[in-house]
Amino acid sequence: MDIPVIEATPVLEGLESPWDMSIRSDGTMFFTEKCKGLSMRSSDGTVTNIYGMSGSEGYAGTGSDLFCEGQAGMMGVAADRNFDQNRRLYVASTSNKYHGEGCKTNHERCDGNIVMRLTLTEDMSSVADRTDIVTDIQYKPFESNQPFGGPGAHNGGRVRIGPGGYLWVAGGDRHRGLCPQSPELLCGKVLRVDTDGNAHPDNDPPAGFDKRIYTYGHRNVQGIDFRPSDGKAFTAEHGPWHSDEITALVNGGNAGWDPQENTAGRGACPDQYCGYEPEQMEGMDPAVRASYMPMSDTRFEDLMPPTWNNNGWSQGTSSAAFLKGENWGIYEGRLATGVLGIGFGGTPIGQRIDMVSITPDGLGINGITRMPLDFSKRFRGLVMAPDNALYVATDEGEIYRVTATSN
């Protein structure tokens, strides 16, 4: 067995909630900090602050509409596949520019999560042009009677360039019960769009759904990547006190999350959201909770069954990246998933990076190995670099370069 030597080296420390990264072939790294903004680390280690949130200091430019609140802020970043020619980045963030009239309560439409296309200047020190290509992903504006119930909950926020150069946008349900199954609202969805924000022509959501939707019925997707062998999309998703999930996406499929009240045998729920029921504030057997409020509800004929459900636990499975390159030895092709670590009701905290071997059909796993790192953190962001190193962002403020050396 070719078991590689795995080592982690910090490349940046002292950051404020780094969220995502995009690595270029020359070693340039673009990265976001949730409440600060977009920056670039050059191959020589120099950091340039490019585009900040409202109120951020030391950036070449700021977006007056961009804000950070609760779980929301500047999140995913991905470089265009033709970046060397067009210098374009795609960045997910929260914005107050498109709220409209729908932000008076949590029970209205409130458009506040966007995807920006940023064109950098030739020296890549600032933004030459900003075009908002997706402006109508919903946002939670107010506190509610839910765990983690503050404003800005469940935004998803990961963006990735998939096969063919199309942009995939992972979303969250923003603590609104009708979001995931709604044909019109973009909360609780995974989108597949072109670089102008238009629907991929092959998207096949159910009749009456927004054509930008690739899959629906999601809770809070913060990980998405594409299997190198066939380009198939997989997501990693947070569970509701039970059942973090990895899912093989099917065009037009339903992930099965439906936290609406007065449905599936449930009655009224706090704030019209059954996402943590029953006994939402108390610990209980996760299996009992899962039977009442399932992550993947088998009522749905178009359900995409989960590949993996974390043994029924919710520990905060966040980001995801397929390990590429022969240097990863027996782990090549596995899906690395970052676990933030959420201990509740007796659940082990479980901060770690898992390396998951997925079956060819995508419907199960062959096994899981914990990445042998000598530390545990809240692993928020994972992305592969062109040199087959894995870059890892932690909520504690570091970005690591993780290398594997095959024996």
Foldseek 3Di string as FASTA:
>chain_A
DWAWDKDKDFLDFDAAQKAEWEAAPQGKIWTAHFAFGIWIQHNVGDIAAAETDQPHPRHPYYDVFFGHDQVFGKHAKYAFPVCVPFVKMKTKHFGQPQQPPFQPAQAGFGFTIWIWIFGADPVRRYTPDIDTQGTRAGWGRAAFPAVSRGGGPFAQTYWYQFPPRWIKGWGAQNQAQAQQVDQEHCHQFIFTAHPNNHADPPQDAPPPHDRRGQEGAHHHWQAWDAQPVPRFIWTWHFAQQWFTFIFGGDRNAHQAAGQAAPPPPHHADTVRGNRQDDVNVAADDLVVRCVVGNSHDPVDPRHGATQDGPNTGGQAFHYWDAQDDCLNPPLHRWIWIAGQFDDHNRDGRDGFIKGWATDPVRNYTPDIDTDDDPDGFRFNYWYAYPVRWIWTDGSNGTIMTMGIGID
